[in-house]
């Protein structure tokens, strides 16, 4: 499955989008993007708005929650 297409799946958002939404540069950006990518790969975040919502939620969570 990975070779047939998942390796080419990307996000429609970037760290700059999270910073623009008020997330401070740092580990929270990585947490947010990782969560959005996971949701995208699981077909739970097919569009930009959903990816951003997932990323913001994860970025705002405490690191201990992971």
Protein backbone atom coordinates (compact mmCIF):
# COMPACT_ATOMS: atom_id res chain seq x y z
CA UNK A 1 0.00 0.00 0.00
CA UNK A 2 2.86 2.38 0.86
CA UNK A 3 4.58 1.91 -2.48
CA UNK A 4 1.33 2.24 -4.39
CA UNK A 5 0.48 5.66 -3.13
CA UNK A 6 0.77 6.46 0.55
CA UNK A 7 4.34 7.67 0.24
CA UNK A 8 3.10 10.47 -2.00
CA UNK A 9 0.37 11.62 0.39
CA UNK A 10 1.09 15.04 1.77
CA UNK A 11 -0.55 17.78 3.74
CA UNK A 12 -2.24 20.89 2.43
CA UNK A 13 -0.92 22.77 5.46
CA UNK A 14 2.53 23.65 6.76
CA UNK A 15 4.16 24.88 9.91
CA UNK A 16 3.62 28.42 8.65
CA UNK A 17 -0.14 27.84 8.79
CA UNK A 18 0.11 26.80 12.44
CA UNK A 19 2.27 29.79 13.28
CA UNK A 20 -0.24 32.06 11.53
CA UNK A 21 -2.95 30.49 13.69
CA UNK A 22 -1.05 31.44 16.85
CA UNK A 23 1.08 28.38 17.63
CA UNK A 24 4.57 29.34 18.80
CA UNK A 25 7.48 27.90 16.81
CA UNK A 26 8.84 24.78 18.48
CA UNK A 27 7.88 21.18 19.20
CA UNK A 28 4.15 21.97 19.11
CA UNK A 29 4.43 22.57 15.36
CA UNK A 30 5.88 19.10 14.84
CA UNK A 31 3.19 17.51 17.03
CA UNK A 32 0.51 19.25 15.05
CA UNK A 33 1.88 18.33 11.65
CA UNK A 34 2.46 14.72 12.69
CA UNK A 35 -1.11 14.43 13.94
CA UNK A 36 -2.47 15.97 10.74
CA UNK A 37 -0.44 13.60 8.59
CA UNK A 38 -1.62 10.62 10.61
CA UNK A 39 -5.22 11.73 10.19
CA UNK A 40 -4.64 12.31 6.47
CA UNK A 41 -3.19 8.82 6.02
CA UNK A 42 -6.18 7.35 7.91
CA UNK A 43 -8.60 9.29 5.65
CA UNK A 44 -9.84 11.31 8.62
CA UNK A 45 -8.52 14.64 7.29
CA UNK A 46 -9.05 14.75 3.53
CA UNK A 47 -9.09 18.54 3.17
CA UNK A 48 -7.11 21.57 4.28
CA UNK A 49 -9.63 22.76 6.88
CA UNK A 50 -9.78 19.38 8.61
CA UNK A 51 -6.00 18.98 8.52
CA UNK A 52 -5.58 22.39 10.12
CA UNK A 53 -8.16 21.61 12.82
CA UNK A 54 -6.43 18.33 13.69
CA UNK A 55 -3.01 20.00 13.73
CA UNK A 56 -4.16 22.86 15.95
CA UNK A 57 -5.82 20.49 18.40
CA UNK A 58 -2.65 18.38 18.66
CA UNK A 59 -0.35 21.40 18.86
CA UNK A 60 -2.34 22.78 21.77
CA UNK A 61 -2.24 19.51 23.72
CA UNK A 62 0.25 19.02 26.50
CA UNK A 63 3.33 17.02 25.39
CA UNK A 64 2.66 14.64 28.32
CA UNK A 65 -0.61 13.65 26.61
CA UNK A 66 1.38 11.81 23.91
